[in-house]
């Protein structure tokens, strides 16, 4: 299993809306994440900075990268674009974090 951590950027005042949308995550989005090898996915919010910190375990980098081009993922990006920083294709601005310590 490959561990990945990253940060994204929520617009101020959108904390409740972000949580609401994720609490109602589409079943087809959940299925897509699992079908592309994603497991143990968590997102945390720093309310002072509006930075979202994500953690996911994936089976394979190539399989996971392919999830970005699925129709359901593209719809999700469009759905979330109004409440967070995005790129031109509506993908979230996402910065990978460098692992520096891990304890099992």
Protein backbone atom coordinates (compact mmCIF):
# COMPACT_ATOMS: atom_id res chain seq x y z
CA UNK A 1 0.00 0.00 0.00
CA UNK A 2 1.26 3.47 -0.92
CA UNK A 3 0.48 6.30 1.50
CA UNK A 4 -0.26 9.73 0.02
CA UNK A 5 -0.83 13.02 1.80
CA UNK A 6 -1.69 16.34 0.22
CA UNK A 7 -3.20 19.74 0.89
CA UNK A 8 -5.95 21.67 -0.86
CA UNK A 9 -7.37 25.12 -0.25
CA UNK A 10 -10.93 25.89 0.81
CA UNK A 11 -12.48 29.32 0.33
CA UNK A 12 -13.21 31.09 3.64
CA UNK A 13 -16.76 30.53 4.86
CA UNK A 14 -17.19 27.27 2.91
CA UNK A 15 -16.30 24.90 5.75
CA UNK A 16 -19.84 23.73 6.45
CA UNK A 17 -20.68 23.35 2.77
CA UNK A 18 -17.53 21.31 2.12
CA UNK A 19 -18.34 18.95 4.99
CA UNK A 20 -22.01 18.72 3.92
CA UNK A 21 -21.09 17.73 0.36
CA UNK A 22 -18.65 15.09 1.55
CA UNK A 23 -21.13 13.66 4.03
CA UNK A 24 -23.40 13.07 1.02
CA UNK A 25 -20.63 11.69 -1.22
CA UNK A 26 -22.16 10.10 -4.30
CA UNK A 27 -22.17 6.27 -4.23
CA UNK A 28 -20.63 6.20 -7.71
CA UNK A 29 -17.76 8.39 -6.46
CA UNK A 30 -17.10 5.98 -3.58
CA UNK A 31 -17.14 3.09 -6.04
CA UNK A 32 -14.72 4.87 -8.37
CA UNK A 33 -12.26 5.58 -5.55
CA UNK A 34 -12.25 1.93 -4.52
CA UNK A 35 -12.11 0.69 -8.14
CA UNK A 36 -8.97 2.79 -8.65
CA UNK A 37 -7.25 1.36 -5.59
CA UNK A 38 -8.06 4.07 -3.05
CA UNK A 39 -8.56 3.06 0.59
CA UNK A 40 -8.54 4.64 4.05
CA UNK A 41 -9.26 8.13 2.66
CA UNK A 42 -9.49 11.00 5.13
CA UNK A 43 -9.60 14.78 4.77
CA UNK A 44 -8.94 17.20 7.65
CA UNK A 45 -9.57 20.93 7.82
CA UNK A 46 -7.41 23.55 9.52
CA UNK A 47 -10.14 26.10 10.30
CA UNK A 48 -7.63 28.90 10.91
CA UNK A 49 -6.02 28.68 7.46
CA UNK A 50 -8.80 26.96 5.43
CA UNK A 51 -6.24 24.37 4.33
CA UNK A 52 -7.57 20.86 3.76
CA UNK A 53 -5.18 17.99 4.47
CA UNK A 54 -5.91 14.72 2.72
CA UNK A 55 -4.58 11.23 3.36
CA UNK A 56 -5.24 8.19 1.20
CA UNK A 57 -3.72 4.77 0.76
CA UNK A 58 -3.52 3.56 -2.83
CA UNK A 59 -2.59 0.27 -4.45
CA UNK A 60 -0.84 1.64 -7.54
CA UNK A 61 0.17 5.14 -8.70
CA UNK A 62 -0.83 4.55 -12.33
CA UNK A 63 -4.23 3.13 -11.44
CA UNK A 64 -4.88 6.00 -9.04
CA UNK A 65 -3.78 8.62 -11.59
CA UNK A 66 -6.33 7.20 -14.05
CA UNK A 67 -9.14 8.08 -11.63
CA UNK A 68 -8.74 11.76 -12.55
CA UNK A 69 -10.08 11.11 -16.05
CA UNK A 70 -13.24 9.27 -15.04
CA UNK A 71 -16.56 11.00 -15.80
CA UNK A 72 -17.70 10.82 -12.17
CA UNK A 73 -14.48 12.43 -10.95
CA UNK A 74 -14.81 15.24 -13.50
CA UNK A 75 -18.40 15.84 -12.34
CA UNK A 76 -17.21 15.92 -8.72
CA UNK A 77 -14.55 18.50 -9.55
CA UNK A 78 -17.17 20.66 -11.25
CA UNK A 79 -19.49 20.25 -8.24
CA UNK A 80 -16.77 21.36 -5.80
CA UNK A 81 -15.21 24.17 -7.88
CA UNK A 82 -17.29 26.95 -6.35
CA UNK A 83 -16.03 26.38 -2.81
CA UNK A 84 -12.30 25.72 -3.21
CA UNK A 85 -9.26 26.77 -5.21
CA UNK A 86 -9.15 24.97 -8.55
CA UNK A 87 -7.10 24.73 -11.71
CA UNK A 88 -8.49 25.64 -15.14
CA UNK A 89 -9.99 22.12 -15.55
CA UNK A 90 -11.75 22.46 -12.13
CA UNK A 91 -9.36 19.96 -10.52
CA UNK A 92 -8.54 21.12 -7.00
CA UNK A 93 -5.27 22.93 -6.49
CA UNK A 94 -3.46 20.13 -4.71
CA UNK A 95 0.04 20.08 -3.24
CA UNK A 96 1.62 16.73 -2.35
CA UNK A 97 3.14 16.57 1.12
CA UNK A 98 6.51 14.94 1.76
CA UNK A 99 6.52 12.14 4.30
CA UNK A 100 9.03 12.72 7.09
CA UNK A 101 7.91 10.23 9.78
CA UNK A 102 5.65 7.22 10.10
CA UNK A 103 5.07 4.79 12.98
CA UNK A 104 3.00 1.61 12.76
